[in-house]
Amino acid sequence: MHFKYVTEDQFNSCIGSDDNNIELSVFHMNIRSLNSKHKLLCQFLDLLHLSFDVIILSKIWSSNISFY
């Protein structure tokens, strides 16, 4: 496994060849103010050709969790 920062296109081209070998997919993002960025997050995830089994967001206010 290689870990590095990649663009959406680079991610999609890499994942296309390994899609059948994935047993668990996890996405983590350090996000600030989910209130103002939740639409951007959804748009970004739509660009990726993988539906993640687990999505982890850090640095969100706990008062907003029930809303989303």
Protein backbone atom coordinates (compact mmCIF):
# COMPACT_ATOMS: atom_id res chain seq x y z
CA MET A 1 0.00 0.00 0.00
CA HIS A 2 1.22 3.45 -0.86
CA PHE A 3 -0.12 6.50 0.97
CA LYS A 4 0.17 9.92 -0.63
CA TYR A 5 -1.92 12.91 -1.62
CA VAL A 6 -3.59 12.51 -5.00
CA THR A 7 -6.17 14.34 -7.10
CA GLU A 8 -9.61 12.88 -7.76
CA ASP A 9 -8.52 11.76 -11.22
CA GLN A 10 -5.38 10.08 -9.88
CA PHE A 11 -7.42 8.33 -7.20
CA ASN A 12 -10.00 7.11 -9.70
CA SER A 13 -7.36 5.77 -12.08
CA CYS A 14 -5.58 3.94 -9.26
CA ILE A 15 -8.72 2.50 -7.74
CA GLY A 16 -10.03 1.20 -11.06
CA SER A 17 -7.46 -1.58 -11.18
CA ASP A 18 -7.79 -2.60 -7.50
CA ASP A 19 -11.56 -2.26 -7.04
CA ASN A 20 -12.14 -6.04 -6.91
CA ASN A 21 -9.56 -6.50 -4.14
CA ILE A 22 -11.07 -3.98 -1.69
CA GLU A 23 -12.72 -5.57 1.33
CA LEU A 24 -13.19 -2.43 3.42
CA SER A 25 -12.93 1.16 2.23
CA VAL A 26 -12.42 4.00 4.71
CA PHE A 27 -12.43 7.74 3.98
CA HIS A 28 -11.11 10.23 6.53
CA MET A 29 -11.13 14.00 6.25
CA ASN A 30 -10.12 16.66 8.70
CA ILE A 31 -12.96 19.11 8.15
CA ARG A 32 -13.75 22.41 9.76
CA SER A 33 -17.30 23.66 10.03
CA LEU A 34 -19.40 20.92 8.57
CA ASN A 35 -22.25 23.43 8.41
CA SER A 36 -20.53 25.45 5.73
CA LYS A 37 -18.77 22.59 3.92
CA HIS A 38 -21.16 19.64 3.86
CA LYS A 39 -22.22 20.34 0.26
CA LEU A 40 -18.59 20.54 -0.87
CA LEU A 41 -17.89 17.25 0.88
CA CYS A 42 -20.81 15.56 -0.89
CA GLN A 43 -19.68 16.97 -4.24
CA PHE A 44 -16.15 15.72 -3.65
CA LEU A 45 -17.31 12.21 -2.70
CA ASP A 46 -19.46 12.12 -5.85
CA LEU A 47 -16.32 12.68 -7.93
CA LEU A 48 -14.70 9.54 -6.54
CA HIS A 49 -15.48 6.21 -8.20
CA LEU A 50 -15.73 4.34 -4.91
CA SER A 51 -18.52 4.15 -2.37
CA PHE A 52 -16.82 4.08 1.01
CA ASP A 53 -17.93 1.65 3.70
CA VAL A 54 -16.84 4.04 6.46
CA ILE A 55 -16.59 7.84 6.35
CA ILE A 56 -14.79 9.53 9.23
CA LEU A 57 -14.88 13.29 9.75
CA SER A 58 -12.76 14.90 12.42
CA LYS A 59 -13.04 18.37 13.93
CA ILE A 60 -16.78 18.72 13.74
CA TRP A 61 -18.87 20.22 16.48
CA SER A 62 -20.74 17.55 18.37
CA SER A 63 -23.90 19.70 18.42
CA ASN A 64 -24.25 19.18 14.65
CA ILE A 65 -23.90 15.41 14.51
CA SER A 66 -27.58 14.60 15.02
CA PHE A 67 -28.56 17.06 12.29
CA TYR A 68 -26.37 15.36 9.67
